Amino acid sequence: MMQHRFLRTYILLRPAGGQASGFARVECQRGRGKLNIHASSLPEKPVRALLCGDVQTGAVLDLGLMHPLGGQQAALCRDHMALQGGYQVLVLATDWPEAKLLLYGWLHPQPKCTLWQMQEIVERYLAYPAADSAPAPMEVAEKQPERSVLMLRSRVST
């Protein structure tokens, strides 16, 4: 009988700014994995979970959206994922169009990218909306535009 290596890792999610906090659990066997993410004190808008590679590869695996509920808490579970590809960090960021890094956690003990490099990867990836992103916000003019002088009726005097 063949033995298959089973690996379980817990990741502490650190805030990039603000009060958000969280943790994740990664289980991996035969190159396939399961990922559970729990976060709290998130903003009341959709948060996107991403696995990011190092800066040279720019690899990003989009895990999907987390929708914070009461108390700004959210959870996400992904099963049967291919976890090969040299991912370095788990990132939670606000979704398009305002991509802002909220939380991050290293997958390996030796980090290969800095906080500002993570922000660049997030901004580059979320420069365009993903398939499950909210539609673009429409800006509505608050007041009607004024008529041009050329549109005034001419006045005829007799």
Protein backbone atom coordinates (compact mmCIF):
# COMPACT_ATOMS: atom_id res chain seq x y z
CA MET A 1 0.00 0.00 0.00
CA MET A 2 1.34 3.44 -0.90
CA GLN A 3 1.60 6.10 1.77
CA HIS A 4 0.60 9.63 0.75
CA ARG A 5 1.97 12.57 2.65
CA PHE A 6 -0.68 14.68 4.38
CA LEU A 7 0.16 18.26 5.33
CA ARG A 8 -1.89 20.65 7.45
CA THR A 9 -0.82 24.27 7.95
CA TYR A 10 -2.39 27.09 9.95
CA ILE A 11 -1.85 30.64 8.70
CA LEU A 12 -2.24 33.75 10.83
CA LEU A 13 -3.68 36.59 8.74
CA ARG A 14 -2.00 39.87 9.61
CA PRO A 15 -3.65 43.26 9.02
CA ALA A 16 -2.13 45.46 6.31
CA GLY A 17 -3.83 48.40 8.03
CA GLY A 18 -6.97 48.74 10.09
CA GLN A 19 -8.55 46.34 12.59
CA ALA A 20 -9.19 43.24 10.46
CA SER A 21 -7.94 39.86 11.68
CA GLY A 22 -8.25 36.23 10.73
CA PHE A 23 -6.73 32.82 10.16
CA ALA A 24 -6.69 30.10 7.53
CA ARG A 25 -6.16 26.34 7.49
CA VAL A 26 -4.63 24.59 4.47
CA GLU A 27 -4.72 20.80 4.10
CA CYS A 28 -2.83 19.18 1.25
CA GLN A 29 -2.53 15.61 0.03
CA ARG A 30 -1.45 14.36 -3.42
CA GLY A 31 -1.15 17.93 -4.73
CA ARG A 32 -4.82 18.64 -4.01
CA GLY A 33 -5.89 20.79 -1.13
CA LYS A 34 -8.61 22.23 1.03
CA LEU A 35 -8.55 25.82 2.28
CA ASN A 36 -10.67 27.35 5.06
CA ILE A 37 -10.50 31.08 5.75
CA HIS A 38 -12.10 32.92 8.67
CA ALA A 39 -11.85 36.70 9.07
CA SER A 40 -13.46 39.39 11.20
CA SER A 41 -13.67 43.19 11.42
CA LEU A 42 -13.89 43.40 7.63
CA PRO A 43 -15.45 46.33 5.77
CA GLU A 44 -19.10 45.93 4.80
CA LYS A 45 -18.32 45.27 1.14
CA PRO A 46 -17.18 42.19 -0.80
CA VAL A 47 -13.68 40.93 0.02
CA ARG A 48 -11.71 38.84 -2.48
CA ALA A 49 -9.40 36.01 -1.35
CA LEU A 50 -6.28 35.42 -3.47
CA LEU A 51 -3.29 33.12 -3.39
CA CYS A 52 -0.32 35.05 -4.78
CA GLY A 53 3.04 33.89 -6.08
CA ASP A 54 6.24 35.86 -5.93
CA VAL A 55 6.72 39.12 -7.81
CA GLN A 56 8.66 37.53 -10.69
CA THR A 57 5.91 35.07 -11.64
CA GLY A 58 2.94 37.27 -10.74
CA ALA A 59 0.85 34.09 -10.36
CA VAL A 60 -2.56 34.64 -8.74
CA LEU A 61 -5.19 32.04 -7.88
CA ASP A 62 -8.57 33.71 -7.30
CA LEU A 63 -10.41 31.90 -4.50
CA GLY A 64 -13.55 33.99 -4.80
CA LEU A 65 -15.54 36.55 -2.86
CA MET A 66 -16.27 36.65 0.83
CA HIS A 67 -19.38 38.58 1.85
CA PRO A 68 -19.06 39.89 5.42
CA LEU A 69 -22.22 39.51 7.48
CA GLY A 70 -23.21 40.99 10.83
CA GLY A 71 -20.18 41.98 12.84
CA GLN A 72 -18.22 42.12 9.59
CA GLN A 73 -17.30 38.42 9.80
CA ALA A 74 -16.84 36.15 6.80
CA ALA A 75 -15.69 32.63 5.99
CA LEU A 76 -14.68 30.87 2.79
CA CYS A 77 -14.04 27.19 2.10
CA ARG A 78 -12.50 25.80 -1.09
CA ASP A 79 -12.05 22.07 -1.61
CA HIS A 80 -10.20 19.96 -4.22
CA MET A 81 -7.91 22.80 -5.28
CA ALA A 82 -4.64 22.32 -7.14
CA LEU A 83 -2.13 23.89 -4.76
CA GLN A 84 0.96 23.48 -6.91
CA GLY A 85 2.41 26.58 -8.47
CA GLY A 86 4.67 28.20 -5.93
CA TYR A 87 2.14 30.35 -4.10
CA GLN A 88 3.76 32.43 -1.38
CA VAL A 89 1.03 34.38 0.40
CA LEU A 90 -2.71 34.32 1.08
CA VAL A 91 -4.25 37.77 0.63
CA LEU A 92 -7.66 39.25 1.44
CA ALA A 93 -8.42 42.50 -0.39
CA THR A 94 -11.42 44.67 -1.15
CA ASP A 95 -12.85 43.82 -4.55
CA TRP A 96 -12.72 45.83 -7.77
CA PRO A 97 -12.81 48.83 -8.37
CA GLU A 98 -11.07 49.84 -5.11
CA ALA A 99 -8.50 47.09 -4.59
CA LYS A 100 -7.00 47.57 -1.14
CA LEU A 101 -4.96 45.00 0.75
CA LEU A 102 -6.66 44.09 4.07
CA LEU A 103 -5.05 40.91 5.39
CA TYR A 104 -2.13 38.70 4.41
CA GLY A 105 -0.53 35.49 5.64
CA TRP A 106 2.63 33.70 4.54
CA LEU A 107 2.37 30.12 3.29
CA HIS A 108 6.11 29.52 3.80
CA PRO A 109 8.45 30.55 6.62
CA GLN A 110 10.76 32.52 4.28
CA PRO A 111 8.70 35.34 2.66
CA LYS A 112 9.72 36.30 -0.86
CA CYS A 113 7.79 39.53 -1.30
CA THR A 114 7.17 42.65 0.73
CA LEU A 115 3.93 44.31 1.75
CA TRP A 116 4.08 46.93 -1.02
CA GLN A 117 4.80 44.20 -3.60
CA MET A 118 1.67 42.35 -2.41
CA GLN A 119 -0.35 45.55 -2.84
CA GLU A 120 1.01 45.90 -6.40
CA ILE A 121 0.04 42.30 -7.24
CA VAL A 122 -3.48 42.90 -5.86
CA GLU A 123 -3.91 46.20 -7.76
CA ARG A 124 -2.64 44.65 -10.99
CA TYR A 125 -4.95 41.62 -10.68
CA LEU A 126 -8.01 43.67 -9.68
CA ALA A 127 -7.47 46.41 -12.27
CA TYR A 128 -10.36 44.77 -14.15
CA PRO A 129 -13.46 43.15 -12.66
CA ALA A 130 -13.57 39.39 -12.18
CA ALA A 131 -16.57 37.40 -13.40
CA ASP A 132 -18.28 37.50 -9.99
CA SER A 133 -17.47 41.16 -9.22
CA ALA A 134 -20.19 43.76 -8.75
CA PRO A 135 -21.04 45.89 -11.79
CA ALA A 136 -19.27 49.21 -12.19
CA PRO A 137 -20.83 52.01 -10.16
CA MET A 138 -22.62 54.58 -12.30
CA GLU A 139 -22.13 58.20 -11.52
CA VAL A 140 -25.34 60.18 -11.81
CA ALA A 141 -25.16 63.92 -12.34
CA GLU A 142 -26.65 65.71 -9.37
CA LYS A 143 -27.98 68.65 -11.36
CA GLN A 144 -28.98 69.00 -14.96
CA PRO A 145 -26.50 70.72 -17.25
CA GLU A 146 -27.34 74.31 -18.12
CA ARG A 147 -28.39 75.19 -21.63
CA SER A 148 -25.81 76.76 -23.86
CA VAL A 149 -26.17 80.39 -24.96
CA LEU A 150 -26.43 79.13 -28.51
CA MET A 151 -29.61 77.24 -27.60
CA LEU A 152 -31.53 80.41 -26.60
CA ARG A 153 -34.35 81.58 -28.81
CA SER A 154 -33.64 84.63 -30.86
CA ARG A 155 -35.63 87.72 -30.04
CA VAL A 156 -37.21 89.63 -32.89
CA SER A 157 -38.18 93.24 -32.30
CA THR A 158 -40.68 95.13 -34.49
